[in-house]
Amino acid sequence: MKHLLFVMAAWMVSVTAQAGRVITDSVQSQVLGATVKYNIYLPSGFAESGKSYPVVYLLHGFTDDYTAWRDKGC
């Protein structure tokens, strides 16, 4: 049990140390005729890495907005 708690604690520290940041921006949609806000998560060290990263698009559905995945995780 102590070993499991140590592993969990070490994992939590590594996740915290690698936290990135969320940027909120907007784009004008000609189709919707409105400005649409969105969030982008950038991993730690993104700007300095010069690497290409895979992209995952998370759509919130009809009853939520651009903050749903960031705030609710759903």
PDB file of N, CA and C in Angstrom:
ATOM      1  N   MET A   1       0.824  -1.196   0.000  1.00  0.00           N
ATOM      2  CA  MET A   1       0.000   0.000   0.000  1.00  0.00           C
ATOM      3  C   MET A   1       0.868   1.259   0.000  1.00  0.00           C
ATOM      4  N   LYS A   2       1.945   1.252   0.784  1.00  0.00           N
ATOM      5  CA  LYS A   2       2.834   2.418   0.816  1.00  0.00           C
ATOM      6  C   LYS A   2       3.458   2.657  -0.556  1.00  0.00           C
ATOM      7  N   HIS A   3       3.797   1.553  -1.232  1.00  0.00           N
ATOM      8  CA  HIS A   3       4.386   1.682  -2.566  1.00  0.00           C
ATOM      9  C   HIS A   3       3.396   2.346  -3.525  1.00  0.00           C
ATOM     10  N   LEU A   4       2.139   1.950  -3.468  1.00  0.00           N
ATOM     11  CA  LEU A   4       1.111   2.530  -4.331  1.00  0.00           C
ATOM     12  C   LEU A   4       0.940   4.017  -4.048  1.00  0.00           C
ATOM     13  N   LEU A   5       0.927   4.404  -2.773  1.00  0.00           N
ATOM     14  CA  LEU A   5       0.790   5.819  -2.426  1.00  0.00           C
ATOM     15  C   LEU A   5       1.985   6.621  -2.921  1.00  0.00           C
ATOM     16  N   PHE A   6       3.182   6.051  -2.821  1.00  0.00           N
ATOM     17  CA  PHE A   6       4.369   6.737  -3.321  1.00  0.00           C
ATOM     18  C   PHE A   6       4.293   6.940  -4.831  1.00  0.00           C
ATOM     19  N   VAL A   7       3.883   5.895  -5.553  1.00  0.00           N
ATOM     20  CA  VAL A   7       3.761   5.992  -7.011  1.00  0.00           C
ATOM     21  C   VAL A   7       2.734   7.048  -7.390  1.00  0.00           C
ATOM     22  N   MET A   8       1.600   7.066  -6.692  1.00  0.00           N
ATOM     23  CA  MET A   8       0.565   8.057  -6.980  1.00  0.00           C
ATOM     24  C   MET A   8       1.069   9.470  -6.697  1.00  0.00           C
ATOM     25  N   ALA A   9       1.775   9.653  -5.602  1.00  0.00           N
ATOM     26  CA  ALA A   9       2.307  10.972  -5.256  1.00  0.00           C
ATOM     27  C   ALA A   9       3.334  11.419  -6.292  1.00  0.00           C
ATOM     28  N   ALA A  10       4.203  10.520  -6.725  1.00  0.00           N
ATOM     29  CA  ALA A  10       5.208  10.860  -7.736  1.00  0.00           C
ATOM     30  C   ALA A  10       4.540  11.224  -9.059  1.00  0.00           C
ATOM     31  N   TRP A  11       3.484  10.505  -9.426  1.00  0.00           N
ATOM     32  CA  TRP A  11       2.762  10.803 -10.660  1.00  0.00           C
ATOM     33  C   TRP A  11       2.119  12.180 -10.581  1.00  0.00           C
ATOM     34  N   MET A  12       1.525  12.515  -9.436  1.00  0.00           N
ATOM     35  CA  MET A  12       0.873  13.815  -9.280  1.00  0.00           C
ATOM     36  C   MET A  12       1.887  14.943  -9.394  1.00  0.00           C
ATOM     37  N   VAL A  13       3.076  14.766  -8.836  1.00  0.00           N
ATOM     38  CA  VAL A  13       4.114  15.788  -8.934  1.00  0.00           C
ATOM     39  C   VAL A  13       4.549  15.950 -10.381  1.00  0.00           C
ATOM     40  N   SER A  14       4.720  14.842 -11.102  1.00  0.00           N
ATOM     41  CA  SER A  14       5.157  14.940 -12.495  1.00  0.00           C
ATOM     42  C   SER A  14       4.092  15.580 -13.371  1.00  0.00           C
ATOM     43  N   VAL A  15       2.817  15.297 -13.119  1.00  0.00           N
ATOM     44  CA  VAL A  15       1.737  15.915 -13.886  1.00  0.00           C
ATOM     45  C   VAL A  15       1.698  17.412 -13.615  1.00  0.00           C
ATOM     46  N   THR A  16       1.840  17.803 -12.360  1.00  0.00           N
ATOM     47  CA  THR A  16       1.828  19.217 -11.995  1.00  0.00           C
ATOM     48  C   THR A  16       3.014  19.946 -12.619  1.00  0.00           C
ATOM     49  N   ALA A  17       4.166  19.324 -12.626  1.00  0.00           N
ATOM     50  CA  ALA A  17       5.367  19.949 -13.164  1.00  0.00           C
ATOM     51  C   ALA A  17       5.273  20.137 -14.675  1.00  0.00           C
ATOM     52  N   GLN A  18       4.457  19.340 -15.348  1.00  0.00           N
ATOM     53  CA  GLN A  18       4.353  19.413 -16.792  1.00  0.00           C
ATOM     54  C   GLN A  18       3.121  20.183 -17.257  1.00  0.00           C
ATOM     55  N   ALA A  19       2.468  20.868 -16.364  1.00  0.00           N
ATOM     56  CA  ALA A  19       1.243  21.573 -16.731  1.00  0.00           C
ATOM     57  C   ALA A  19       1.528  22.627 -17.786  1.00  0.00           C
ATOM     58  N   GLY A  20       0.659  22.698 -18.752  1.00  0.00           N
ATOM     59  CA  GLY A  20       0.781  23.704 -19.800  1.00  0.00           C
ATOM     60  C   GLY A  20      -0.107  24.893 -19.466  1.00  0.00           C
ATOM     61  N   ARG A  21      -0.621  25.527 -20.512  1.00  0.00           N
ATOM     62  CA  ARG A  21      -1.508  26.664 -20.285  1.00  0.00           C
ATOM     63  C   ARG A  21      -2.633  26.649 -21.302  1.00  0.00           C
ATOM     64  N   VAL A  22      -3.729  27.291 -20.943  1.00  0.00           N
ATOM     65  CA  VAL A  22      -4.893  27.400 -21.811  1.00  0.00           C
ATOM     66  C   VAL A  22      -5.000  28.843 -22.279  1.00  0.00           C
ATOM     67  N   ILE A  23      -5.107  29.020 -23.577  1.00  0.00           N
ATOM     68  CA  ILE A  23      -5.256  30.342 -24.176  1.00  0.00           C
ATOM     69  C   ILE A  23      -6.656  30.441 -24.757  1.00  0.00           C
ATOM     70  N   THR A  24      -7.341  31.532 -24.471  1.00  0.00           N
ATOM     71  CA  THR A  24      -8.663  31.790 -25.040  1.00  0.00           C
ATOM     72  C   THR A  24      -8.531  32.857 -26.110  1.00  0.00           C
ATOM     73  N   ASP A  25      -9.124  32.591 -27.263  1.00  0.00           N
ATOM     74  CA  ASP A  25      -9.091  33.547 -28.373  1.00  0.00           C
ATOM     75  C   ASP A  25     -10.424  33.461 -29.105  1.00  0.00           C
ATOM     76  N   SER A  26     -10.546  34.163 -30.215  1.00  0.00           N
ATOM     77  CA  SER A  26     -11.795  34.124 -30.980  1.00  0.00           C
ATOM     78  C   SER A  26     -11.504  34.282 -32.458  1.00  0.00           C
ATOM     79  N   VAL A  27     -12.487  33.886 -33.259  1.00  0.00           N
ATOM     80  CA  VAL A  27     -12.394  34.002 -34.707  1.00  0.00           C
ATOM     81  C   VAL A  27     -13.759  34.437 -35.231  1.00  0.00           C
ATOM     82  N   GLN A  28     -13.749  35.244 -36.279  1.00  0.00           N
ATOM     83  CA  GLN A  28     -14.998  35.671 -36.897  1.00  0.00           C
ATOM     84  C   GLN A  28     -15.467  34.574 -37.853  1.00  0.00           C
ATOM     85  N   SER A  29     -16.657  34.036 -37.626  1.00  0.00           N
ATOM     86  CA  SER A  29     -17.224  33.003 -38.483  1.00  0.00           C
ATOM     87  C   SER A  29     -18.182  33.631 -39.484  1.00  0.00           C
ATOM     88  N   GLN A  30     -17.859  33.492 -40.753  1.00  0.00           N
ATOM     89  CA  GLN A  30     -18.760  33.990 -41.798  1.00  0.00           C
ATOM     90  C   GLN A  30     -20.011  33.126 -41.879  1.00  0.00           C
ATOM     91  N   VAL A  31     -19.876  31.839 -41.639  1.00  0.00           N
ATOM     92  CA  VAL A  31     -21.020  30.922 -41.700  1.00  0.00           C
ATOM     93  C   VAL A  31     -22.032  31.254 -40.613  1.00  0.00           C
ATOM     94  N   LEU A  32     -21.555  31.469 -39.388  1.00  0.00           N
ATOM     95  CA  LEU A  32     -22.459  31.774 -38.272  1.00  0.00           C
ATOM     96  C   LEU A  32     -22.807  33.254 -38.191  1.00  0.00           C
ATOM     97  N   GLY A  33     -22.015  34.084 -38.842  1.00  0.00           N
ATOM     98  CA  GLY A  33     -22.240  35.518 -38.761  1.00  0.00           C
ATOM     99  C   GLY A  33     -22.001  36.064 -37.368  1.00  0.00           C
ATOM    100  N   ALA A  34     -21.014  35.487 -36.675  1.00  0.00           N
ATOM    101  CA  ALA A  34     -20.730  35.889 -35.297  1.00  0.00           C
ATOM    102  C   ALA A  34     -19.266  35.595 -34.974  1.00  0.00           C
ATOM    103  N   THR A  35     -18.805  36.185 -33.892  1.00  0.00           N
ATOM    104  CA  THR A  35     -17.488  35.884 -33.368  1.00  0.00           C
ATOM    105  C   THR A  35     -17.604  34.651 -32.477  1.00  0.00           C
ATOM    106  N   VAL A  36     -16.723  33.683 -32.685  1.00  0.00           N
ATOM    107  CA  VAL A  36     -16.758  32.421 -31.946  1.00  0.00           C
ATOM    108  C   VAL A  36     -15.495  32.313 -31.101  1.00  0.00           C
ATOM    109  N   LYS A  37     -15.667  32.117 -29.801  1.00  0.00           N
ATOM    110  CA  LYS A  37     -14.516  31.951 -28.908  1.00  0.00           C
ATOM    111  C   LYS A  37     -14.097  30.488 -28.871  1.00  0.00           C
ATOM    112  N   TYR A  38     -12.816  30.266 -28.565  1.00  0.00           N
ATOM    113  CA  TYR A  38     -12.286  28.910 -28.436  1.00  0.00           C
ATOM    114  C   TYR A  38     -11.123  28.919 -27.454  1.00  0.00           C
ATOM    115  N   ASN A  39     -10.788  27.735 -26.955  1.00  0.00           N
ATOM    116  CA  ASN A  39      -9.642  27.546 -26.072  1.00  0.00           C
ATOM    117  C   ASN A  39      -8.622  26.666 -26.774  1.00  0.00           C
ATOM    118  N   ILE A  40      -7.369  26.944 -26.512  1.00  0.00           N
ATOM    119  CA  ILE A  40      -6.272  26.106 -26.989  1.00  0.00           C
ATOM    120  C   ILE A  40      -5.414  25.757 -25.785  1.00  0.00           C
ATOM    121  N   TYR A  41      -5.131  24.447 -25.614  1.00  0.00           N
ATOM    122  CA  TYR A  41      -4.210  24.010 -24.568  1.00  0.00           C
ATOM    123  C   TYR A  41      -2.832  23.852 -25.201  1.00  0.00           C
ATOM    124  N   LEU A  42      -1.844  24.530 -24.635  1.00  0.00           N
ATOM    125  CA  LEU A  42      -0.463  24.412 -25.089  1.00  0.00           C
ATOM    126  C   LEU A  42       0.351  23.717 -24.007  1.00  0.00           C
ATOM    127  N   PRO A  43       0.998  22.598 -24.353  1.00  0.00           N
ATOM    128  CA  PRO A  43       1.786  21.878 -23.352  1.00  0.00           C
ATOM    129  C   PRO A  43       2.990  22.691 -22.892  1.00  0.00           C
ATOM    130  N   SER A  44       3.487  22.345 -21.736  1.00  0.00           N
ATOM    131  CA  SER A  44       4.654  23.010 -21.181  1.00  0.00           C
ATOM    132  C   SER A  44       5.813  22.944 -22.176  1.00  0.00           C
ATOM    133  N   GLY A  45       6.464  24.066 -22.424  1.00  0.00           N
ATOM    134  CA  GLY A  45       7.603  24.117 -23.325  1.00  0.00           C
ATOM    135  C   GLY A  45       7.241  24.157 -24.798  1.00  0.00           C
ATOM    136  N   PHE A  46       5.975  24.352 -25.116  1.00  0.00           N
ATOM    137  CA  PHE A  46       5.519  24.344 -26.508  1.00  0.00           C
ATOM    138  C   PHE A  46       6.256  25.359 -27.375  1.00  0.00           C
ATOM    139  N   ALA A  47       6.331  26.597 -26.922  1.00  0.00           N
ATOM    140  CA  ALA A  47       6.924  27.670 -27.725  1.00  0.00           C
ATOM    141  C   ALA A  47       8.411  27.426 -27.996  1.00  0.00           C
ATOM    142  N   GLU A  48       9.101  26.853 -27.036  1.00  0.00           N
ATOM    143  CA  GLU A  48      10.543  26.659 -27.164  1.00  0.00           C
ATOM    144  C   GLU A  48      10.904  25.374 -27.895  1.00  0.00           C
ATOM    145  N   SER A  49       9.986  24.431 -28.004  1.00  0.00           N
ATOM    146  CA  SER A  49      10.327  23.111 -28.508  1.00  0.00           C
ATOM    147  C   SER A  49      10.559  23.068 -30.012  1.00  0.00           C
ATOM    148  N   GLY A  50       9.824  23.877 -30.781  1.00  0.00           N
ATOM    149  CA  GLY A  50       9.936  23.820 -32.233  1.00  0.00           C
ATOM    150  C   GLY A  50       9.365  22.548 -32.829  1.00  0.00           C
ATOM    151  N   LYS A  51       8.672  21.749 -32.020  1.00  0.00           N
ATOM    152  CA  LYS A  51       8.097  20.483 -32.465  1.00  0.00           C
ATOM    153  C   LYS A  51       6.686  20.682 -33.012  1.00  0.00           C
ATOM    154  N   SER A  52       6.251  19.725 -33.799  1.00  0.00           N
ATOM    155  CA  SER A  52       4.851  19.655 -34.205  1.00  0.00           C
ATOM    156  C   SER A  52       4.128  18.754 -33.210  1.00  0.00           C
ATOM    157  N   TYR A  53       2.911  19.120 -32.859  1.00  0.00           N
ATOM    158  CA  TYR A  53       2.144  18.348 -31.904  1.00  0.00           C
ATOM    159  C   TYR A  53       0.850  17.866 -32.554  1.00  0.00           C
ATOM    160  N   PRO A  54       0.353  16.704 -32.138  1.00  0.00           N
ATOM    161  CA  PRO A  54      -0.949  16.257 -32.644  1.00  0.00           C
ATOM    162  C   PRO A  54      -2.057  17.172 -32.127  1.00  0.00           C
ATOM    163  N   VAL A  55      -3.169  17.206 -32.829  1.00  0.00           N
ATOM    164  CA  VAL A  55      -4.298  18.056 -32.465  1.00  0.00           C
ATOM    165  C   VAL A  55      -5.507  17.192 -32.160  1.00  0.00           C
ATOM    166  N   VAL A  56      -6.210  17.547 -31.091  1.00  0.00           N
ATOM    167  CA  VAL A  56      -7.469  16.902 -30.748  1.00  0.00           C
ATOM    168  C   VAL A  56      -8.520  17.996 -30.683  1.00  0.00           C
ATOM    169  N   TYR A  57      -9.585  17.846 -31.438  1.00  0.00           N
ATOM    170  CA  TYR A  57     -10.679  18.809 -31.427  1.00  0.00           C
ATOM    171  C   TYR A  57     -11.789  18.270 -30.546  1.00  0.00           C
ATOM    172  N   LEU A  58     -12.171  19.028 -29.523  1.00  0.00           N
ATOM    173  CA  LEU A  58     -13.240  18.626 -28.612  1.00  0.00           C
ATOM    174  C   LEU A  58     -14.417  19.574 -28.811  1.00  0.00           C
ATOM    175  N   LEU A  59     -15.517  19.036 -29.292  1.00  0.00           N
ATOM    176  CA  LEU A  59     -16.704  19.843 -29.536  1.00  0.00           C
ATOM    177  C   LEU A  59     -17.636  19.733 -28.344  1.00  0.00           C
ATOM    178  N   HIS A  60     -18.179  20.855 -27.898  1.00  0.00           N
ATOM    179  CA  HIS A  60     -18.946  20.901 -26.661  1.00  0.00           C
ATOM    180  C   HIS A  60     -20.412  20.565 -26.824  1.00  0.00           C
ATOM    181  N   GLY A  61     -20.950  20.608 -27.991  1.00  0.00           N
ATOM    182  CA  GLY A  61     -22.365  20.313 -28.176  1.00  0.00           C
ATOM    183  C   GLY A  61     -23.228  21.562 -28.101  1.00  0.00           C
ATOM    184  N   PHE A  62     -24.509  21.385 -28.218  1.00  0.00           N
ATOM    185  CA  PHE A  62     -25.445  22.493 -28.361  1.00  0.00           C
ATOM    186  C   PHE A  62     -25.675  23.288 -27.080  1.00  0.00           C
ATOM    187  N   THR A  63     -25.679  22.628 -25.915  1.00  0.00           N
ATOM    188  CA  THR A  63     -26.081  23.314 -24.682  1.00  0.00           C
ATOM    189  C   THR A  63     -24.919  23.942 -23.909  1.00  0.00           C
ATOM    190  N   ASP A  64     -23.685  23.741 -24.337  1.00  0.00           N
ATOM    191  CA  ASP A  64     -22.526  24.318 -23.652  1.00  0.00           C
ATOM    192  C   ASP A  64     -21.863  25.361 -24.536  1.00  0.00           C
ATOM    193  N   ASP A  65     -20.724  25.866 -24.069  1.00  0.00           N
ATOM    194  CA  ASP A  65     -19.951  26.802 -24.867  1.00  0.00           C
ATOM    195  C   ASP A  65     -18.476  26.402 -24.831  1.00  0.00           C
ATOM    196  N   TYR A  66     -17.611  27.273 -25.301  1.00  0.00           N
ATOM    197  CA  TYR A  66     -16.191  26.961 -25.437  1.00  0.00           C
ATOM    198  C   TYR A  66     -15.498  26.637 -24.108  1.00  0.00           C
ATOM    199  N   THR A  67     -16.120  26.953 -22.974  1.00  0.00           N
ATOM    200  CA  THR A  67     -15.501  26.682 -21.674  1.00  0.00           C
ATOM    201  C   THR A  67     -15.821  25.293 -21.130  1.00  0.00           C
ATOM    202  N   ALA A  68     -16.692  24.541 -21.765  1.00  0.00           N
ATOM    203  CA  ALA A  68     -17.174  23.266 -21.220  1.00  0.00           C
ATOM    204  C   ALA A  68     -16.043  22.266 -20.961  1.00  0.00           C
ATOM    205  N   TRP A  69     -15.183  22.013 -21.931  1.00  0.00           N
ATOM    206  CA  TRP A  69     -14.115  21.018 -21.738  1.00  0.00           C
ATOM    207  C   TRP A  69     -13.100  21.496 -20.716  1.00  0.00           C
ATOM    208  N   ARG A  70     -12.798  22.781 -20.702  1.00  0.00           N
ATOM    209  CA  ARG A  70     -11.828  23.302 -19.733  1.00  0.00           C
ATOM    210  C   ARG A  70     -12.383  23.268 -18.316  1.00  0.00           C
ATOM    211  N   ASP A  71     -13.636  23.684 -18.132  1.00  0.00           N
ATOM    212  CA  ASP A  71     -14.195  23.816 -16.789  1.00  0.00           C
ATOM    213  C   ASP A  71     -14.847  22.551 -16.249  1.00  0.00           C
ATOM    214  N   LYS A  72     -15.478  21.772 -17.115  1.00  0.00           N
ATOM    215  CA  LYS A  72     -16.220  20.589 -16.679  1.00  0.00           C
ATOM    216  C   LYS A  72     -15.545  19.285 -17.061  1.00  0.00           C
ATOM    217  N   GLY A  73     -14.677  19.351 -18.047  1.00  0.00           N
ATOM    218  CA  GLY A  73     -14.030  18.139 -18.509  1.00  0.00           C
ATOM    219  C   GLY A  73     -14.971  17.184 -19.218  1.00  0.00           C
ATOM    220  N   CYS A  74     -16.063  17.718 -19.750  1.00  0.00           N
ATOM    221  CA  CYS A  74     -17.030  16.852 -20.425  1.00  0.00           C
ATOM    222  C   CYS A  74     -17.454  17.420 -21.745  1.00  0.00           C
TER     223      CYS A  74
END
